[in-house]
C-alpha atoms as a PDB file:
ATOM      1  CA  UNK A   1      58.548-120.334  55.160  1.00  0.00           C
ATOM      2  CA  UNK A   2      59.180-121.131  58.817  1.00  0.00           C
ATOM      3  CA  UNK A   3      56.057-121.282  60.927  1.00  0.00           C
ATOM      4  CA  UNK A   4      55.997-119.214  64.138  1.00  0.00           C
ATOM      5  CA  UNK A   5      57.050-121.096  67.272  1.00  0.00           C
ATOM      6  CA  UNK A   6      53.911-122.094  69.126  1.00  0.00           C
ATOM      7  CA  UNK A   7      52.895-122.887  72.661  1.00  0.00           C
ATOM      8  CA  UNK A   8      51.364-126.325  72.095  1.00  0.00           C
ATOM      9  CA  UNK A   9      49.343-128.521  74.411  1.00  0.00           C
ATOM     10  CA  UNK A  10      48.963-132.243  73.750  1.00  0.00           C
ATOM     11  CA  UNK A  11      45.829-133.942  75.027  1.00  0.00           C
ATOM     12  CA  UNK A  12      46.432-137.696  74.788  1.00  0.00           C
ATOM     13  CA  UNK A  13      44.791-140.740  76.325  1.00  0.00           C
ATOM     14  CA  UNK A  14      47.598-143.206  75.626  1.00  0.00           C
ATOM     15  CA  UNK A  15      45.450-145.168  73.181  1.00  0.00           C
ATOM     16  CA  UNK A  16      46.111-143.072  70.063  1.00  0.00           C
ATOM     17  CA  UNK A  17      49.470-144.125  68.616  1.00  0.00           C
ATOM     18  CA  UNK A  18      50.254-140.806  66.947  1.00  0.00           C
ATOM     19  CA  UNK A  19      52.756-139.118  69.285  1.00  0.00           C
ATOM     20  CA  UNK A  20      53.739-135.628  68.138  1.00  0.00           C
ATOM     21  CA  UNK A  21      55.148-134.468  71.470  1.00  0.00           C
ATOM     22  CA  UNK A  22      58.779-135.285  70.717  1.00  0.00           C
ATOM     23  CA  UNK A  23      58.676-134.219  67.068  1.00  0.00           C
ATOM     24  CA  UNK A  24      57.097-130.849  67.788  1.00  0.00           C
ATOM     25  CA  UNK A  25      59.560-130.244  70.619  1.00  0.00           C
ATOM     26  CA  UNK A  26      62.425-131.038  68.239  1.00  0.00           C
ATOM     27  CA  UNK A  27      61.014-128.373  65.908  1.00  0.00           C
ATOM     28  CA  UNK A  28      61.554-125.901  68.792  1.00  0.00           C
ATOM     29  CA  UNK A  29      57.927-125.451  69.720  1.00  0.00           C
ATOM     30  CA  UNK A  30      57.051-125.258  73.404  1.00  0.00           C
ATOM     31  CA  UNK A  31      55.109-128.441  74.072  1.00  0.00           C
ATOM     32  CA  UNK A  32      53.378-129.508  77.260  1.00  0.00           C
ATOM     33  CA  UNK A  33      50.801-132.062  78.299  1.00  0.00           C
ATOM     34  CA  UNK A  34      47.195-130.979  78.736  1.00  0.00           C
ATOM     35  CA  UNK A  35      46.083-132.546  81.977  1.00  0.00           C
ATOM     36  CA  UNK A  36      42.421-131.488  81.791  1.00  0.00           C
ATOM     37  CA  UNK A  37      40.305-129.647  79.188  1.00  0.00           C
ATOM     38  CA  UNK A  38      39.963-126.755  81.632  1.00  0.00           C
ATOM     39  CA  UNK A  39      43.694-126.036  81.189  1.00  0.00           C
ATOM     40  CA  UNK A  40      43.704-125.396  77.431  1.00  0.00           C
ATOM     41  CA  UNK A  41      43.256-121.622  77.449  1.00  0.00           C
ATOM     42  CA  UNK A  42      46.979-120.825  77.715  1.00  0.00           C
ATOM     43  CA  UNK A  43      47.895-122.873  74.634  1.00  0.00           C
ATOM     44  CA  UNK A  44      47.865-121.555  71.076  1.00  0.00           C
ATOM     45  CA  UNK A  45      47.519-125.021  69.524  1.00  0.00           C
ATOM     46  CA  UNK A  46      46.004-128.110  71.111  1.00  0.00           C
ATOM     47  CA  UNK A  47      46.777-131.531  69.654  1.00  0.00           C
ATOM     48  CA  UNK A  48      43.953-133.990  70.312  1.00  0.00           C
ATOM     49  CA  UNK A  49      45.355-137.526  70.269  1.00  0.00           C
ATOM     50  CA  UNK A  50      42.650-139.758  71.696  1.00  0.00           C
ATOM     51  CA  UNK A  51      41.036-143.045  70.722  1.00  0.00           C
ATOM     52  CA  UNK A  52      38.694-142.810  67.741  1.00  0.00           C
ATOM     53  CA  UNK A  53      35.542-143.572  69.689  1.00  0.00           C
ATOM     54  CA  UNK A  54      36.372-140.883  72.278  1.00  0.00           C
ATOM     55  CA  UNK A  55      37.165-138.083  69.850  1.00  0.00           C
ATOM     56  CA  UNK A  56      33.649-136.700  69.426  1.00  0.00           C
ATOM     57  CA  UNK A  57      32.946-136.380  73.154  1.00  0.00           C
ATOM     58  CA  UNK A  58      36.434-134.954  73.756  1.00  0.00           C
ATOM     59  CA  UNK A  59      35.890-132.259  71.128  1.00  0.00           C
ATOM     60  CA  UNK A  60      32.522-131.344  72.626  1.00  0.00           C
ATOM     61  CA  UNK A  61      34.096-131.012  76.078  1.00  0.00           C
ATOM     62  CA  UNK A  62      36.990-128.918  74.778  1.00  0.00           C
ATOM     63  CA  UNK A  63      34.574-126.581  73.003  1.00  0.00           C
ATOM     64  CA  UNK A  64      33.326-125.442  76.407  1.00  0.00           C
ATOM     65  CA  UNK A  65      36.747-123.963  77.181  1.00  0.00           C
ATOM     66  CA  UNK A  66      37.988-122.955  73.721  1.00  0.00           C
ATOM     67  CA  UNK A  67      38.635-119.329  72.820  1.00  0.00           C
ATOM     68  CA  UNK A  68      38.262-117.589  69.477  1.00  0.00           C
ATOM     69  CA  UNK A  69      41.337-117.939  67.263  1.00  0.00           C
ATOM     70  CA  UNK A  70      42.723-120.900  69.211  1.00  0.00           C
ATOM     71  CA  UNK A  71      43.957-123.778  67.052  1.00  0.00           C
ATOM     72  CA  UNK A  72      42.964-127.425  67.432  1.00  0.00           C
ATOM     73  CA  UNK A  73      44.282-130.429  65.507  1.00  0.00           C
ATOM     74  CA  UNK A  74      43.120-134.020  65.871  1.00  0.00           C
ATOM     75  CA  UNK A  75      45.238-136.988  64.802  1.00  0.00           C
ATOM     76  CA  UNK A  76      42.548-139.568  64.011  1.00  0.00           C
ATOM     77  CA  UNK A  77      42.620-141.208  60.596  1.00  0.00           C
ATOM     78  CA  UNK A  78      39.048-142.459  60.945  1.00  0.00           C
ATOM     79  CA  UNK A  79      37.531-139.024  61.492  1.00  0.00           C
ATOM     80  CA  UNK A  80      37.550-136.121  59.104  1.00  0.00           C
ATOM     81  CA  UNK A  81      37.203-132.448  59.916  1.00  0.00           C
ATOM     82  CA  UNK A  82      33.448-132.460  60.574  1.00  0.00           C
ATOM     83  CA  UNK A  83      33.955-133.922  64.049  1.00  0.00           C
ATOM     84  CA  UNK A  84      35.592-130.599  64.975  1.00  0.00           C
ATOM     85  CA  UNK A  85      32.394-128.596  64.311  1.00  0.00           C
ATOM     86  CA  UNK A  86      31.757-127.760  68.005  1.00  0.00           C
ATOM     87  CA  UNK A  87      35.184-126.122  68.218  1.00  0.00           C
ATOM     88  CA  UNK A  88      34.776-124.263  64.940  1.00  0.00           C
ATOM     89  CA  UNK A  89      31.454-122.899  66.179  1.00  0.00           C
ATOM     90  CA  UNK A  90      33.368-121.319  69.064  1.00  0.00           C
ATOM     91  CA  UNK A  91      35.641-119.520  66.601  1.00  0.00           C
ATOM     92  CA  UNK A  92      38.544-121.954  66.734  1.00  0.00           C
ATOM     93  CA  UNK A  93      40.784-122.873  63.795  1.00  0.00           C
ATOM     94  CA  UNK A  94      40.376-126.617  63.295  1.00  0.00           C
ATOM     95  CA  UNK A  95      42.590-129.115  61.496  1.00  0.00           C
ATOM     96  CA  UNK A  96      43.322-132.834  61.239  1.00  0.00           C
ATOM     97  CA  UNK A  97      46.585-134.625  60.462  1.00  0.00           C
ATOM     98  CA  UNK A  98      47.539-138.298  60.551  1.00  0.00           C
ATOM     99  CA  UNK A  99      50.837-139.837  59.366  1.00  0.00           C
ATOM    100  CA  UNK A 100      50.921-142.538  56.692  1.00  0.00           C
ATOM    101  CA  UNK A 101      54.307-144.206  56.664  1.00  0.00           C
ATOM    102  CA  UNK A 102      57.381-142.109  57.355  1.00  0.00           C
ATOM    103  CA  UNK A 103      56.730-138.950  55.385  1.00  0.00           C
ATOM    104  CA  UNK A 104      53.135-138.661  54.182  1.00  0.00           C
ATOM    105  CA  UNK A 105      50.264-137.127  56.087  1.00  0.00           C
ATOM    106  CA  UNK A 106      46.523-137.157  55.500  1.00  0.00           C
ATOM    107  CA  UNK A 107      45.313-133.690  56.452  1.00  0.00           C
ATOM    108  CA  UNK A 108      42.079-131.731  56.536  1.00  0.00           C
ATOM    109  CA  UNK A 109      40.970-128.224  57.417  1.00  0.00           C
ATOM    110  CA  UNK A 110      37.941-126.002  56.957  1.00  0.00           C
ATOM    111  CA  UNK A 111      39.553-122.887  55.498  1.00  0.00           C
ATOM    112  CA  UNK A 112      42.703-121.521  53.876  1.00  0.00           C
ATOM    113  CA  UNK A 113      44.194-120.421  57.195  1.00  0.00           C
ATOM    114  CA  UNK A 114      43.890-123.902  58.659  1.00  0.00           C
ATOM    115  CA  UNK A 115      45.225-125.399  55.429  1.00  0.00           C
ATOM    116  CA  UNK A 116      48.284-123.140  55.595  1.00  0.00           C
ATOM    117  CA  UNK A 117      48.962-123.870  59.270  1.00  0.00           C
ATOM    118  CA  UNK A 118      48.672-127.646  58.984  1.00  0.00           C
ATOM    119  CA  UNK A 119      50.790-127.556  55.826  1.00  0.00           C
ATOM    120  CA  UNK A 120      53.554-125.671  57.645  1.00  0.00           C
ATOM    121  CA  UNK A 121      53.426-128.048  60.610  1.00  0.00           C
ATOM    122  CA  UNK A 122      53.628-131.133  58.405  1.00  0.00           C
ATOM    123  CA  UNK A 123      56.472-129.552  56.453  1.00  0.00           C
ATOM    124  CA  UNK A 124      58.395-128.971  59.688  1.00  0.00           C
ATOM    125  CA  UNK A 125      58.048-132.659  60.466  1.00  0.00           C
ATOM    126  CA  UNK A 126      59.530-133.545  57.076  1.00  0.00           C
ATOM    127  CA  UNK A 127      56.258-134.703  55.592  1.00  0.00           C
ATOM    128  CA  UNK A 128      54.209-134.166  52.470  1.00  0.00           C
ATOM    129  CA  UNK A 129      50.445-133.838  52.313  1.00  0.00           C
ATOM    130  CA  UNK A 130      47.771-136.170  50.954  1.00  0.00           C
ATOM    131  CA  UNK A 131      44.238-134.833  50.559  1.00  0.00           C
ATOM    132  CA  UNK A 132      41.334-137.293  50.607  1.00  0.00           C
ATOM    133  CA  UNK A 133      37.587-136.928  51.001  1.00  0.00           C
ATOM    134  CA  UNK A 134      36.269-137.406  54.511  1.00  0.00           C
ATOM    135  CA  UNK A 135      33.974-140.094  53.103  1.00  0.00           C
ATOM    136  CA  UNK A 136      37.047-142.205  52.263  1.00  0.00           C
ATOM    137  CA  UNK A 137      38.738-142.010  55.647  1.00  0.00           C
ATOM    138  CA  UNK A 138      37.240-145.157  57.146  1.00  0.00           C
ATOM    139  CA  UNK A 139      38.234-147.165  54.065  1.00  0.00           C
ATOM    140  CA  UNK A 140      41.742-145.729  54.175  1.00  0.00           C
ATOM    141  CA  UNK A 141      41.950-146.594  57.853  1.00  0.00           C
ATOM    142  CA  UNK A 142      40.863-150.153  57.026  1.00  0.00           C
ATOM    143  CA  UNK A 143      43.564-150.351  54.339  1.00  0.00           C
ATOM    144  CA  UNK A 144      46.218-149.282  56.860  1.00  0.00           C
ATOM    145  CA  UNK A 145      44.997-151.891  59.350  1.00  0.00           C
ATOM    146  CA  UNK A 146      44.953-154.468  56.541  1.00  0.00           C
ATOM    147  CA  UNK A 147      48.613-153.711  55.835  1.00  0.00           C
ATOM    148  CA  UNK A 148      49.435-153.812  59.535  1.00  0.00           C
ATOM    149  CA  UNK A 149      48.199-157.388  59.786  1.00  0.00           C
ATOM    150  CA  UNK A 150      51.237-158.351  57.702  1.00  0.00           C
ATOM    151  CA  UNK A 151      53.414-157.766  60.753  1.00  0.00           C
ATOM    152  CA  UNK A 152      51.281-160.063  62.886  1.00  0.00           C
ATOM    153  CA  UNK A 153      51.196-162.663  60.129  1.00  0.00           C
ATOM    154  CA  UNK A 154      54.978-162.457  59.710  1.00  0.00           C
ATOM    155  CA  UNK A 155      55.562-163.011  63.423  1.00  0.00           C
ATOM    156  CA  UNK A 156      53.220-165.982  63.440  1.00  0.00           C
ATOM    157  CA  UNK A 157      54.937-167.427  60.357  1.00  0.00           C
ATOM    158  CA  UNK A 158      58.274-167.195  62.191  1.00  0.00           C
ATOM    159  CA  UNK A 159      56.843-169.045  65.192  1.00  0.00           C
ATOM    160  CA  UNK A 160      55.299-171.659  62.885  1.00  0.00           C
ATOM    161  CA  UNK A 161      58.620-172.290  61.132  1.00  0.00           C
ATOM    162  CA  UNK A 162      60.545-172.288  64.409  1.00  0.00           C
ATOM    163  CA  UNK A 163      58.466-175.301  65.441  1.00  0.00           C
ATOM    164  CA  UNK A 164      60.432-177.279  62.863  1.00  0.00           C
ATOM    165  CA  UNK A 165      63.820-175.561  62.498  1.00  0.00           C
ATOM    166  CA  UNK A 166      64.239-174.725  66.213  1.00  0.00           C
ATOM    167  CA  UNK A 167      66.148-171.560  65.373  1.00  0.00           C
ATOM    168  CA  UNK A 168      64.330-168.214  65.490  1.00  0.00           C
ATOM    169  CA  UNK A 169      66.937-166.350  63.435  1.00  0.00           C
ATOM    170  CA  UNK A 170      66.860-169.031  60.760  1.00  0.00           C
ATOM    171  CA  UNK A 171      63.052-168.933  60.768  1.00  0.00           C
ATOM    172  CA  UNK A 172      63.113-165.144  60.303  1.00  0.00           C
ATOM    173  CA  UNK A 173      65.539-165.529  57.397  1.00  0.00           C
ATOM    174  CA  UNK A 174      63.302-168.139  55.766  1.00  0.00           C
ATOM    175  CA  UNK A 175      60.232-165.912  56.129  1.00  0.00           C
ATOM    176  CA  UNK A 176      62.013-162.963  54.524  1.00  0.00           C
ATOM    177  CA  UNK A 177      63.249-165.172  51.707  1.00  0.00           C
ATOM    178  CA  UNK A 178      59.821-166.706  51.140  1.00  0.00           C
ATOM    179  CA  UNK A 179      58.290-163.248  50.791  1.00  0.00           C
ATOM    180  CA  UNK A 180      60.962-162.154  48.316  1.00  0.00           C
ATOM    181  CA  UNK A 181      60.762-165.288  46.174  1.00  0.00           C
ATOM    182  CA  UNK A 182      57.007-165.966  46.308  1.00  0.00           C
ATOM    183  CA  UNK A 183      55.700-165.834  42.739  1.00  0.00           C
ATOM    184  CA  UNK A 184      52.434-167.735  42.706  1.00  0.00           C
ATOM    185  CA  UNK A 185      50.323-170.093  44.757  1.00  0.00           C
ATOM    186  CA  UNK A 186      50.942-173.838  44.694  1.00  0.00           C
ATOM    187  CA  UNK A 187      48.612-175.907  42.560  1.00  0.00           C
ATOM    188  CA  UNK A 188      45.335-176.911  44.153  1.00  0.00           C
ATOM    189  CA  UNK A 189      46.415-180.448  45.031  1.00  0.00           C
ATOM    190  CA  UNK A 190      49.510-179.254  46.884  1.00  0.00           C
ATOM    191  CA  UNK A 191      47.560-176.473  48.547  1.00  0.00           C
ATOM    192  CA  UNK A 192      44.928-178.906  49.830  1.00  0.00           C
ATOM    193  CA  UNK A 193      47.573-181.170  51.349  1.00  0.00           C
ATOM    194  CA  UNK A 194      49.310-178.209  52.963  1.00  0.00           C
ATOM    195  CA  UNK A 195      46.019-177.002  54.413  1.00  0.00           C
ATOM    196  CA  UNK A 196      45.152-180.426  55.808  1.00  0.00           C
ATOM    197  CA  UNK A 197      48.550-180.714  57.497  1.00  0.00           C
ATOM    198  CA  UNK A 198      48.121-177.576  59.621  1.00  0.00           C
ATOM    199  CA  UNK A 199      47.142-178.612  63.136  1.00  0.00           C
ATOM    200  CA  UNK A 200      46.417-175.200  64.624  1.00  0.00           C
ATOM    201  CA  UNK A 201      42.759-174.325  63.780  1.00  0.00           C
ATOM    202  CA  UNK A 202      43.417-170.588  63.661  1.00  0.00           C
ATOM    203  CA  UNK A 203      46.353-170.937  61.291  1.00  0.00           C
ATOM    204  CA  UNK A 204      44.440-173.401  59.139  1.00  0.00           C
ATOM    205  CA  UNK A 205      41.512-170.978  58.834  1.00  0.00           C
ATOM    206  CA  UNK A 206      43.811-168.069  57.979  1.00  0.00           C
ATOM    207  CA  UNK A 207      45.691-170.213  55.441  1.00  0.00           C
ATOM    208  CA  UNK A 208      42.395-170.906  53.685  1.00  0.00           C
ATOM    209  CA  UNK A 209      41.325-167.254  53.768  1.00  0.00           C
ATOM    210  CA  UNK A 210      44.659-166.050  52.391  1.00  0.00           C
ATOM    211  CA  UNK A 211      44.548-168.706  49.688  1.00  0.00           C
ATOM    212  CA  UNK A 212      41.081-167.519  48.692  1.00  0.00           C
ATOM    213  CA  UNK A 213      42.104-163.866  48.538  1.00  0.00           C
ATOM    214  CA  UNK A 214      45.219-164.679  46.508  1.00  0.00           C
ATOM    215  CA  UNK A 215      43.093-166.793  44.160  1.00  0.00           C
ATOM    216  CA  UNK A 216      40.615-163.942  43.701  1.00  0.00           C
ATOM    217  CA  UNK A 217      43.462-161.649  42.698  1.00  0.00           C
ATOM    218  CA  UNK A 218      45.144-164.168  40.402  1.00  0.00           C
ATOM    219  CA  UNK A 219      41.786-165.543  39.153  1.00  0.00           C
ATOM    220  CA  UNK A 220      42.647-169.088  40.123  1.00  0.00           C
ATOM    221  CA  UNK A 221      39.034-170.236  40.130  1.00  0.00           C
ATOM    222  CA  UNK A 222      39.709-173.798  41.265  1.00  0.00           C
ATOM    223  CA  UNK A 223      41.458-172.610  44.419  1.00  0.00           C
ATOM    224  CA  UNK A 224      38.836-169.958  45.070  1.00  0.00           C
ATOM    225  CA  UNK A 225      36.038-172.546  44.777  1.00  0.00           C
ATOM    226  CA  UNK A 226      37.870-174.934  47.100  1.00  0.00           C
ATOM    227  CA  UNK A 227      38.318-172.177  49.701  1.00  0.00           C
ATOM    228  CA  UNK A 228      34.632-171.231  49.497  1.00  0.00           C
ATOM    229  CA  UNK A 229      33.601-174.857  49.985  1.00  0.00           C
ATOM    230  CA  UNK A 230      35.878-175.082  53.027  1.00  0.00           C
ATOM    231  CA  UNK A 231      34.233-171.998  54.521  1.00  0.00           C
ATOM    232  CA  UNK A 232      30.808-173.606  54.240  1.00  0.00           C
ATOM    233  CA  UNK A 233      31.781-176.642  56.279  1.00  0.00           C
END
């Protein structure tokens, strides 16, 4: 079922990384930027893409200008649907949708109509829906951030290796290979010598923390105890 083409306004502050402007335009919706909350009345659907800590106040401000039957969708992963209560009180249809990876979306709504609309929108964008309790959203958001740190860690590992091989492309190749071939941690003695050799305090601290977490997972109690003792110093 193809959803009706909508006149959509996007209210964004530049801090929220979910950008639906291009994707919704490609789906042949009419999409424009909402410059101020006062200008939302002409739109059928308003996408609210603002920083997590600004969402609540933004919703409250929008509620002043919302009309009955108007649709609102926020893109925060941290917040569930309850933050949209001021808009729902004004008779608006409220929804939430946030992408996870390339084709999965965490969505929320308050009724069957909202559920149908957000499902159609996500389907148009080539996605499938994941339903989670609002109480789990902050933990899910933390898990996504946790995974995102891998990118930062990978970049730092490349820079660390480049210090010795003096070839960024070679360092990148080594990092990819190390990730593919990594089976288990070194033994404690080797790990301690590696840790002691790291001159950068930040890298040395992270090395210890990663070693501890890996040891917790693999139940390598000697390494875990060593890491704990290092933390206490």
